[in-house]
Amino acid sequence: MNAPAWRIWLVAALVCGWGILTIRFVQTGSIPLAILSALLLITNAVTLWRLTKHGK
């Protein structure tokens, strides 16, 4: 799959953003929001990996 560069940058920014939010929610004690943010972080990280892996 040949993804456009803007999509890879967008997903990379989302991964960073969800990571920051996850850390913030853990620090403030909002565990349900931290879990939700962590799930979205993992989902976007897998998407980024699929977009950037070689051979596809």
N, C-alpha and C. Protein backbone atom coordinates (compact mmCIF):
# COMPACT_ATOMS: atom_id res chain seq x y z
N MET A 1 0.85 -1.17 0.00
CA MET A 1 0.00 0.00 0.00
C MET A 1 0.90 1.23 0.00
N ASN A 2 0.70 2.08 -0.98
CA ASN A 2 1.47 3.31 -1.07
C ASN A 2 0.64 4.44 -0.47
N ALA A 3 0.93 4.75 0.77
CA ALA A 3 0.21 5.82 1.45
C ALA A 3 0.87 7.15 1.14
N PRO A 4 0.05 8.19 0.98
CA PRO A 4 0.66 9.52 0.78
C PRO A 4 1.40 9.96 2.04
N ALA A 5 2.39 10.80 1.82
CA ALA A 5 3.22 11.25 2.95
C ALA A 5 2.41 11.96 4.01
N TRP A 6 1.39 12.73 3.60
CA TRP A 6 0.59 13.47 4.58
C TRP A 6 -0.13 12.52 5.52
N ARG A 7 -0.54 11.36 5.04
CA ARG A 7 -1.25 10.42 5.90
C ARG A 7 -0.31 9.80 6.94
N ILE A 8 0.91 9.51 6.52
CA ILE A 8 1.90 8.96 7.46
C ILE A 8 2.21 10.00 8.54
N TRP A 9 2.38 11.26 8.14
CA TRP A 9 2.65 12.32 9.12
C TRP A 9 1.46 12.52 10.06
N LEU A 10 0.25 12.44 9.51
CA LEU A 10 -0.95 12.60 10.34
C LEU A 10 -1.05 11.49 11.39
N VAL A 11 -0.84 10.26 10.96
CA VAL A 11 -0.92 9.14 11.90
C VAL A 11 0.22 9.22 12.93
N ALA A 12 1.40 9.64 12.50
CA ALA A 12 2.51 9.80 13.45
C ALA A 12 2.18 10.87 14.49
N ALA A 13 1.56 11.95 14.06
CA ALA A 13 1.16 13.01 14.99
C ALA A 13 0.09 12.50 15.95
N LEU A 14 -0.83 11.69 15.45
CA LEU A 14 -1.87 11.11 16.31
C LEU A 14 -1.26 10.18 17.36
N VAL A 15 -0.28 9.38 16.95
CA VAL A 15 0.38 8.48 17.90
C VAL A 15 1.04 9.31 19.01
N CYS A 16 1.73 10.38 18.64
CA CYS A 16 2.37 11.24 19.64
C CYS A 16 1.33 11.87 20.55
N GLY A 17 0.27 12.37 19.96
CA GLY A 17 -0.78 13.02 20.74
C GLY A 17 -1.45 12.08 21.72
N TRP A 18 -1.79 10.89 21.28
CA TRP A 18 -2.44 9.91 22.18
C TRP A 18 -1.47 9.46 23.27
N GLY A 19 -0.18 9.38 22.94
CA GLY A 19 0.81 9.03 23.95
C GLY A 19 0.90 10.09 25.04
N ILE A 20 0.90 11.36 24.62
CA ILE A 20 0.96 12.46 25.58
C ILE A 20 -0.30 12.47 26.45
N LEU A 21 -1.46 12.29 25.82
CA LEU A 21 -2.71 12.26 26.59
C LEU A 21 -2.75 11.08 27.56
N THR A 22 -2.25 9.94 27.13
CA THR A 22 -2.23 8.77 28.03
C THR A 22 -1.41 9.07 29.27
N ILE A 23 -0.23 9.65 29.08
CA ILE A 23 0.62 9.99 30.22
C ILE A 23 -0.07 11.01 31.11
N ARG A 24 -0.71 12.01 30.51
CA ARG A 24 -1.40 13.04 31.28
C ARG A 24 -2.53 12.46 32.12
N PHE A 25 -3.34 11.58 31.50
CA PHE A 25 -4.47 11.00 32.22
C PHE A 25 -4.01 10.08 33.34
N VAL A 26 -2.90 9.37 33.14
CA VAL A 26 -2.35 8.53 34.21
C VAL A 26 -1.89 9.42 35.37
N GLN A 27 -1.24 10.53 35.05
CA GLN A 27 -0.75 11.43 36.10
C GLN A 27 -1.88 12.05 36.91
N THR A 28 -3.00 12.35 36.24
CA THR A 28 -4.12 12.99 36.95
C THR A 28 -5.06 11.97 37.59
N GLY A 29 -4.85 10.70 37.32
CA GLY A 29 -5.66 9.66 37.94
C GLY A 29 -6.95 9.34 37.20
N SER A 30 -7.09 9.79 35.98
CA SER A 30 -8.28 9.50 35.17
C SER A 30 -8.05 8.18 34.43
N ILE A 31 -8.22 7.08 35.14
CA ILE A 31 -7.87 5.77 34.58
C ILE A 31 -8.73 5.39 33.37
N PRO A 32 -10.07 5.60 33.38
CA PRO A 32 -10.84 5.24 32.18
C PRO A 32 -10.38 5.99 30.93
N LEU A 33 -10.09 7.28 31.08
CA LEU A 33 -9.59 8.04 29.94
C LEU A 33 -8.19 7.61 29.54
N ALA A 34 -7.38 7.21 30.50
CA ALA A 34 -6.03 6.72 30.20
C ALA A 34 -6.12 5.42 29.40
N ILE A 35 -7.04 4.54 29.78
CA ILE A 35 -7.22 3.28 29.05
C ILE A 35 -7.69 3.55 27.63
N LEU A 36 -8.66 4.46 27.48
CA LEU A 36 -9.15 4.80 26.14
C LEU A 36 -8.04 5.40 25.29
N SER A 37 -7.27 6.30 25.86
CA SER A 37 -6.16 6.90 25.13
C SER A 37 -5.11 5.87 24.74
N ALA A 38 -4.83 4.94 25.65
CA ALA A 38 -3.85 3.89 25.35
C ALA A 38 -4.34 3.00 24.21
N LEU A 39 -5.63 2.68 24.20
CA LEU A 39 -6.18 1.87 23.11
C LEU A 39 -6.07 2.60 21.77
N LEU A 40 -6.37 3.89 21.77
CA LEU A 40 -6.25 4.67 20.54
C LEU A 40 -4.78 4.81 20.12
N LEU A 41 -3.89 4.91 21.09
CA LEU A 41 -2.46 4.95 20.80
C LEU A 41 -2.03 3.66 20.11
N ILE A 42 -2.43 2.53 20.64
CA ILE A 42 -2.06 1.24 20.05
C ILE A 42 -2.65 1.08 18.66
N THR A 43 -3.91 1.46 18.50
CA THR A 43 -4.56 1.36 17.19
C THR A 43 -3.83 2.19 16.14
N ASN A 44 -3.50 3.42 16.49
CA ASN A 44 -2.79 4.27 15.54
C ASN A 44 -1.36 3.81 15.31
N ALA A 45 -0.72 3.24 16.31
CA ALA A 45 0.63 2.72 16.13
C ALA A 45 0.61 1.54 15.16
N VAL A 46 -0.38 0.68 15.27
CA VAL A 46 -0.49 -0.44 14.34
C VAL A 46 -0.76 0.07 12.93
N THR A 47 -1.61 1.08 12.81
CA THR A 47 -1.88 1.68 11.50
C THR A 47 -0.60 2.27 10.91
N LEU A 48 0.17 2.98 11.73
CA LEU A 48 1.43 3.55 11.26
C LEU A 48 2.39 2.46 10.82
N TRP A 49 2.46 1.37 11.58
CA TRP A 49 3.34 0.26 11.22
C TRP A 49 2.91 -0.34 9.87
N ARG A 50 1.61 -0.50 9.69
CA ARG A 50 1.11 -1.06 8.42
C ARG A 50 1.39 -0.13 7.24
N LEU A 51 1.29 1.18 7.48
CA LEU A 51 1.54 2.14 6.42
C LEU A 51 3.01 2.21 6.02
N THR A 52 3.90 1.93 6.97
CA THR A 52 5.33 2.13 6.70
C THR A 52 6.12 0.84 6.53
N LYS A 53 5.49 -0.32 6.71
CA LYS A 53 6.28 -1.54 6.56
C LYS A 53 6.63 -1.76 5.10
N HIS A 54 7.77 -2.34 4.89
CA HIS A 54 8.28 -2.50 3.52
C HIS A 54 7.68 -3.76 2.89
N GLY A 55 7.58 -3.72 1.57
CA GLY A 55 7.09 -4.87 0.85
C GLY A 55 5.60 -4.84 0.56
N LYS A 56 4.91 -3.81 1.00
CA LYS A 56 3.47 -3.71 0.72
C LYS A 56 3.19 -2.47 -0.07
